Amino acid sequence: MRVDCVICGKKDLGKDTTGINRKLLGTDITNFYCMECLAEYLGCTVEELLDKIEEFKEEGCTLFA
């Protein structure tokens, strides 16, 4: 499934980006953000999001499989 950012329109977001959207915003969301827009929306940095993705992967979260 091809997913684009609802804010800036960045095309074809990757599985880690869609995974972190679902993990933090809910698995049933229909609007997705690119990493930059998600960080701004959540009030954090892209680096913090990337760190969380790695943590979730290490925990075995299936959203990043």
PDB file of N, CA and C in Angstrom:
ATOM      1  N   MET A   1       0.836  -1.177   0.000  1.00  0.00           N
ATOM      2  CA  MET A   1       0.000   0.000   0.000  1.00  0.00           C
ATOM      3  C   MET A   1       0.887   1.248   0.000  1.00  0.00           C
ATOM      4  N   ARG A   2       0.623   2.137  -0.918  1.00  0.00           N
ATOM      5  CA  ARG A   2       1.383   3.381  -1.021  1.00  0.00           C
ATOM      6  C   ARG A   2       0.749   4.433  -0.125  1.00  0.00           C
ATOM      7  N   VAL A   3       1.553   5.057   0.722  1.00  0.00           N
ATOM      8  CA  VAL A   3       1.057   6.032   1.690  1.00  0.00           C
ATOM      9  C   VAL A   3       1.837   7.332   1.542  1.00  0.00           C
ATOM     10  N   ASP A   4       1.119   8.451   1.507  1.00  0.00           N
ATOM     11  CA  ASP A   4       1.739   9.776   1.389  1.00  0.00           C
ATOM     12  C   ASP A   4       1.464  10.598   2.646  1.00  0.00           C
ATOM     13  N   CYS A   5       2.335  11.546   2.949  1.00  0.00           N
ATOM     14  CA  CYS A   5       2.171  12.424   4.109  1.00  0.00           C
ATOM     15  C   CYS A   5       0.999  13.384   3.892  1.00  0.00           C
ATOM     16  N   VAL A   6       0.112  13.475   4.885  1.00  0.00           N
ATOM     17  CA  VAL A   6      -1.059  14.343   4.766  1.00  0.00           C
ATOM     18  C   VAL A   6      -0.713  15.821   4.910  1.00  0.00           C
ATOM     19  N   ILE A   7       0.455  16.140   5.457  1.00  0.00           N
ATOM     20  CA  ILE A   7       0.838  17.535   5.654  1.00  0.00           C
ATOM     21  C   ILE A   7       1.630  18.081   4.468  1.00  0.00           C
ATOM     22  N   CYS A   8       2.778  17.459   4.170  1.00  0.00           N
ATOM     23  CA  CYS A   8       3.662  18.000   3.128  1.00  0.00           C
ATOM     24  C   CYS A   8       3.518  17.301   1.785  1.00  0.00           C
ATOM     25  N   GLY A   9       2.838  16.137   1.765  1.00  0.00           N
ATOM     26  CA  GLY A   9       2.625  15.426   0.513  1.00  0.00           C
ATOM     27  C   GLY A   9       3.770  14.513   0.103  1.00  0.00           C
ATOM     28  N   LYS A  10       4.771  14.330   0.969  1.00  0.00           N
ATOM     29  CA  LYS A  10       5.875  13.424   0.639  1.00  0.00           C
ATOM     30  C   LYS A  10       5.303  12.076   0.216  1.00  0.00           C
ATOM     31  N   LYS A  11       5.824  11.543  -0.863  1.00  0.00           N
ATOM     32  CA  LYS A  11       5.266  10.343  -1.480  1.00  0.00           C
ATOM     33  C   LYS A  11       5.871   9.057  -0.939  1.00  0.00           C
ATOM     34  N   ASP A  12       5.048   8.023  -0.915  1.00  0.00           N
ATOM     35  CA  ASP A  12       5.471   6.642  -0.674  1.00  0.00           C
ATOM     36  C   ASP A  12       6.301   6.476   0.604  1.00  0.00           C
ATOM     37  N   LEU A  13       5.674   6.736   1.743  1.00  0.00           N
ATOM     38  CA  LEU A  13       6.353   6.610   3.031  1.00  0.00           C
ATOM     39  C   LEU A  13       6.737   5.153   3.279  1.00  0.00           C
ATOM     40  N   GLY A  14       7.892   4.931   3.865  1.00  0.00           N
ATOM     41  CA  GLY A  14       8.401   3.584   4.096  1.00  0.00           C
ATOM     42  C   GLY A  14       7.706   2.878   5.247  1.00  0.00           C
ATOM     43  N   LYS A  15       8.029   1.577   5.409  1.00  0.00           N
ATOM     44  CA  LYS A  15       7.349   0.773   6.432  1.00  0.00           C
ATOM     45  C   LYS A  15       7.691   1.217   7.844  1.00  0.00           C
ATOM     46  N   ASP A  16       8.906   1.698   8.088  1.00  0.00           N
ATOM     47  CA  ASP A  16       9.238   2.187   9.422  1.00  0.00           C
ATOM     48  C   ASP A  16       8.442   3.452   9.743  1.00  0.00           C
ATOM     49  N   THR A  17       8.280   4.314   8.748  1.00  0.00           N
ATOM     50  CA  THR A  17       7.520   5.551   8.949  1.00  0.00           C
ATOM     51  C   THR A  17       6.049   5.244   9.187  1.00  0.00           C
ATOM     52  N   THR A  18       5.466   4.367   8.392  1.00  0.00           N
ATOM     53  CA  THR A  18       4.064   4.024   8.620  1.00  0.00           C
ATOM     54  C   THR A  18       3.909   3.251   9.928  1.00  0.00           C
ATOM     55  N   GLY A  19       4.906   2.451  10.269  1.00  0.00           N
ATOM     56  CA  GLY A  19       4.859   1.704  11.523  1.00  0.00           C
ATOM     57  C   GLY A  19       4.861   2.613  12.738  1.00  0.00           C
ATOM     58  N   ILE A  20       5.721   3.636  12.743  1.00  0.00           N
ATOM     59  CA  ILE A  20       5.783   4.540  13.895  1.00  0.00           C
ATOM     60  C   ILE A  20       4.514   5.382  13.979  1.00  0.00           C
ATOM     61  N   ASN A  21       3.927   5.723  12.842  1.00  0.00           N
ATOM     62  CA  ASN A  21       2.633   6.416  12.846  1.00  0.00           C
ATOM     63  C   ASN A  21       1.584   5.558  13.539  1.00  0.00           C
ATOM     64  N   ARG A  22       1.498   4.295  13.135  1.00  0.00           N
ATOM     65  CA  ARG A  22       0.504   3.386  13.726  1.00  0.00           C
ATOM     66  C   ARG A  22       0.777   3.132  15.207  1.00  0.00           C
ATOM     67  N   LYS A  23       2.045   2.986  15.567  1.00  0.00           N
ATOM     68  CA  LYS A  23       2.405   2.704  16.958  1.00  0.00           C
ATOM     69  C   LYS A  23       2.031   3.873  17.868  1.00  0.00           C
ATOM     70  N   LEU A  24       2.278   5.097  17.423  1.00  0.00           N
ATOM     71  CA  LEU A  24       2.072   6.265  18.277  1.00  0.00           C
ATOM     72  C   LEU A  24       0.689   6.894  18.148  1.00  0.00           C
ATOM     73  N   LEU A  25       0.038   6.720  16.993  1.00  0.00           N
ATOM     74  CA  LEU A  25      -1.248   7.384  16.759  1.00  0.00           C
ATOM     75  C   LEU A  25      -2.436   6.423  16.733  1.00  0.00           C
ATOM     76  N   GLY A  26      -2.159   5.117  16.675  1.00  0.00           N
ATOM     77  CA  GLY A  26      -3.234   4.124  16.653  1.00  0.00           C
ATOM     78  C   GLY A  26      -3.216   3.300  15.388  1.00  0.00           C
ATOM     79  N   THR A  27      -3.500   2.018  15.530  1.00  0.00           N
ATOM     80  CA  THR A  27      -3.395   1.111  14.381  1.00  0.00           C
ATOM     81  C   THR A  27      -4.473   1.337  13.334  1.00  0.00           C
ATOM     82  N   ASP A  28      -5.542   2.030  13.686  1.00  0.00           N
ATOM     83  CA  ASP A  28      -6.642   2.238  12.737  1.00  0.00           C
ATOM     84  C   ASP A  28      -6.611   3.601  12.048  1.00  0.00           C
ATOM     85  N   ILE A  29      -5.475   4.309  12.128  1.00  0.00           N
ATOM     86  CA  ILE A  29      -5.392   5.637  11.508  1.00  0.00           C
ATOM     87  C   ILE A  29      -5.453   5.547   9.988  1.00  0.00           C
ATOM     88  N   THR A  30      -5.917   6.613   9.357  1.00  0.00           N
ATOM     89  CA  THR A  30      -5.971   6.669   7.894  1.00  0.00           C
ATOM     90  C   THR A  30      -5.085   7.782   7.345  1.00  0.00           C
ATOM     91  N   ASN A  31      -4.677   8.723   8.192  1.00  0.00           N
ATOM     92  CA  ASN A  31      -3.784   9.803   7.784  1.00  0.00           C
ATOM     93  C   ASN A  31      -2.402   9.554   8.360  1.00  0.00           C
ATOM     94  N   PHE A  32      -1.391   9.626   7.507  1.00  0.00           N
ATOM     95  CA  PHE A  32      -0.018   9.352   7.912  1.00  0.00           C
ATOM     96  C   PHE A  32       0.842  10.584   7.710  1.00  0.00           C
ATOM     97  N   TYR A  33       1.896  10.686   8.533  1.00  0.00           N
ATOM     98  CA  TYR A  33       2.848  11.788   8.465  1.00  0.00           C
ATOM     99  C   TYR A  33       4.225  11.251   8.095  1.00  0.00           C
ATOM    100  N   CYS A  34       5.001  12.048   7.333  1.00  0.00           N
ATOM    101  CA  CYS A  34       6.407  11.709   7.124  1.00  0.00           C
ATOM    102  C   CYS A  34       7.126  11.923   8.461  1.00  0.00           C
ATOM    103  N   MET A  35       8.358  11.508   8.572  1.00  0.00           N
ATOM    104  CA  MET A  35       9.082  11.608   9.840  1.00  0.00           C
ATOM    105  C   MET A  35       9.186  13.059  10.323  1.00  0.00           C
ATOM    106  N   GLU A  36       9.447  13.977   9.417  1.00  0.00           N
ATOM    107  CA  GLU A  36       9.604  15.381   9.801  1.00  0.00           C
ATOM    108  C   GLU A  36       8.291  15.959  10.318  1.00  0.00           C
ATOM    109  N   CYS A  37       7.201  15.698   9.602  1.00  0.00           N
ATOM    110  CA  CYS A  37       5.898  16.230  10.015  1.00  0.00           C
ATOM    111  C   CYS A  37       5.400  15.544  11.285  1.00  0.00           C
ATOM    112  N   LEU A  38       5.667  14.255  11.442  1.00  0.00           N
ATOM    113  CA  LEU A  38       5.276  13.540  12.656  1.00  0.00           C
ATOM    114  C   LEU A  38       6.021  14.098  13.868  1.00  0.00           C
ATOM    115  N   ALA A  39       7.313  14.346  13.709  1.00  0.00           N
ATOM    116  CA  ALA A  39       8.104  14.914  14.802  1.00  0.00           C
ATOM    117  C   ALA A  39       7.554  16.277  15.205  1.00  0.00           C
ATOM    118  N   GLU A  40       7.226  17.103  14.228  1.00  0.00           N
ATOM    119  CA  GLU A  40       6.670  18.416  14.535  1.00  0.00           C
ATOM    120  C   GLU A  40       5.309  18.279  15.222  1.00  0.00           C
ATOM    121  N   TYR A  41       4.474  17.376  14.723  1.00  0.00           N
ATOM    122  CA  TYR A  41       3.144  17.145  15.302  1.00  0.00           C
ATOM    123  C   TYR A  41       3.241  16.690  16.759  1.00  0.00           C
ATOM    124  N   LEU A  42       4.217  15.831  17.052  1.00  0.00           N
ATOM    125  CA  LEU A  42       4.367  15.279  18.394  1.00  0.00           C
ATOM    126  C   LEU A  42       5.256  16.125  19.307  1.00  0.00           C
ATOM    127  N   GLY A  43       5.926  17.130  18.747  1.00  0.00           N
ATOM    128  CA  GLY A  43       6.787  17.987  19.552  1.00  0.00           C
ATOM    129  C   GLY A  43       8.088  17.314  19.950  1.00  0.00           C
ATOM    130  N   CYS A  44       8.642  16.527  19.052  1.00  0.00           N
ATOM    131  CA  CYS A  44       9.912  15.858  19.320  1.00  0.00           C
ATOM    132  C   CYS A  44      10.801  15.992  18.087  1.00  0.00           C
ATOM    133  N   THR A  45      11.944  15.307  18.086  1.00  0.00           N
ATOM    134  CA  THR A  45      12.846  15.360  16.938  1.00  0.00           C
ATOM    135  C   THR A  45      12.737  14.075  16.123  1.00  0.00           C
ATOM    136  N   VAL A  46      13.187  14.148  14.889  1.00  0.00           N
ATOM    137  CA  VAL A  46      13.231  12.961  14.036  1.00  0.00           C
ATOM    138  C   VAL A  46      14.153  11.918  14.664  1.00  0.00           C
ATOM    139  N   GLU A  47      15.260  12.368  15.239  1.00  0.00           N
ATOM    140  CA  GLU A  47      16.205  11.449  15.880  1.00  0.00           C
ATOM    141  C   GLU A  47      15.535  10.675  17.014  1.00  0.00           C
ATOM    142  N   GLU A  48      14.708  11.346  17.793  1.00  0.00           N
ATOM    143  CA  GLU A  48      13.982  10.662  18.872  1.00  0.00           C
ATOM    144  C   GLU A  48      13.027   9.601  18.312  1.00  0.00           C
ATOM    145  N   LEU A  49      12.377   9.922  17.202  1.00  0.00           N
ATOM    146  CA  LEU A  49      11.487   8.948  16.568  1.00  0.00           C
ATOM    147  C   LEU A  49      12.270   7.741  16.064  1.00  0.00           C
ATOM    148  N   LEU A  50      13.424   7.997  15.457  1.00  0.00           N
ATOM    149  CA  LEU A  50      14.256   6.902  14.964  1.00  0.00           C
ATOM    150  C   LEU A  50      14.732   6.012  16.111  1.00  0.00           C
ATOM    151  N   ASP A  51      15.064   6.627  17.241  1.00  0.00           N
ATOM    152  CA  ASP A  51      15.456   5.849  18.418  1.00  0.00           C
ATOM    153  C   ASP A  51      14.305   4.975  18.904  1.00  0.00           C
ATOM    154  N   LYS A  52      13.092   5.528  18.913  1.00  0.00           N
ATOM    155  CA  LYS A  52      11.919   4.759  19.342  1.00  0.00           C
ATOM    156  C   LYS A  52      11.659   3.594  18.387  1.00  0.00           C
ATOM    157  N   ILE A  53      11.834   3.825  17.095  1.00  0.00           N
ATOM    158  CA  ILE A  53      11.647   2.748  16.113  1.00  0.00           C
ATOM    159  C   ILE A  53      12.587   1.595  16.434  1.00  0.00           C
ATOM    160  N   GLU A  54      13.848   1.912  16.715  1.00  0.00           N
ATOM    161  CA  GLU A  54      14.814   0.863  17.043  1.00  0.00           C
ATOM    162  C   GLU A  54      14.424   0.130  18.322  1.00  0.00           C
ATOM    163  N   GLU A  55      13.941   0.865  19.318  1.00  0.00           N
ATOM    164  CA  GLU A  55      13.478   0.236  20.558  1.00  0.00           C
ATOM    165  C   GLU A  55      12.324  -0.720  20.286  1.00  0.00           C
ATOM    166  N   PHE A  56      11.351  -0.268  19.509  1.00  0.00           N
ATOM    167  CA  PHE A  56      10.187  -1.103  19.204  1.00  0.00           C
ATOM    168  C   PHE A  56      10.593  -2.346  18.410  1.00  0.00           C
ATOM    169  N   LYS A  57      11.542  -2.186  17.488  1.00  0.00           N
ATOM    170  CA  LYS A  57      12.038  -3.345  16.716  1.00  0.00           C
ATOM    171  C   LYS A  57      12.685  -4.359  17.646  1.00  0.00           C
ATOM    172  N   GLU A  58      13.518  -3.869  18.575  1.00  0.00           N
ATOM    173  CA  GLU A  58      14.203  -4.754  19.521  1.00  0.00           C
ATOM    174  C   GLU A  58      13.206  -5.491  20.412  1.00  0.00           C
ATOM    175  N   GLU A  59      12.069  -4.833  20.704  1.00  0.00           N
ATOM    176  CA  GLU A  59      11.024  -5.455  21.521  1.00  0.00           C
ATOM    177  C   GLU A  59      10.201  -6.465  20.721  1.00  0.00           C
ATOM    178  N   GLY A  60      10.411  -6.486  19.391  1.00  0.00           N
ATOM    179  CA  GLY A  60       9.699  -7.428  18.545  1.00  0.00           C
ATOM    180  C   GLY A  60       8.350  -6.944  18.053  1.00  0.00           C
ATOM    181  N   CYS A  61       8.133  -5.640  18.069  1.00  0.00           N
ATOM    182  CA  CYS A  61       6.856  -5.078  17.625  1.00  0.00           C
ATOM    183  C   CYS A  61       6.593  -5.466  16.166  1.00  0.00           C
ATOM    184  N   THR A  62       5.440  -6.054  15.913  1.00  0.00           N
ATOM    185  CA  THR A  62       5.108  -6.542  14.565  1.00  0.00           C
ATOM    186  C   THR A  62       4.808  -5.432  13.569  1.00  0.00           C
ATOM    187  N   LEU A  63       4.626  -4.199  14.026  1.00  0.00           N
ATOM    188  CA  LEU A  63       4.394  -3.084  13.098  1.00  0.00           C
ATOM    189  C   LEU A  63       5.643  -2.768  12.284  1.00  0.00           C
ATOM    190  N   PHE A  64       6.787  -3.271  12.726  1.00  0.00           N
ATOM    191  CA  PHE A  64       8.048  -2.987  12.036  1.00  0.00           C
ATOM    192  C   PHE A  64       8.647  -4.237  11.416  1.00  0.00           C
ATOM    193  N   ALA A  65       7.887  -5.303  11.331  1.00  0.00           N
ATOM    194  CA  ALA A  65       8.391  -6.580  10.793  1.00  0.00           C
ATOM    195  C   ALA A  65       8.395  -6.586   9.281  1.00  0.00           C
TER     196      ALA A  65
END
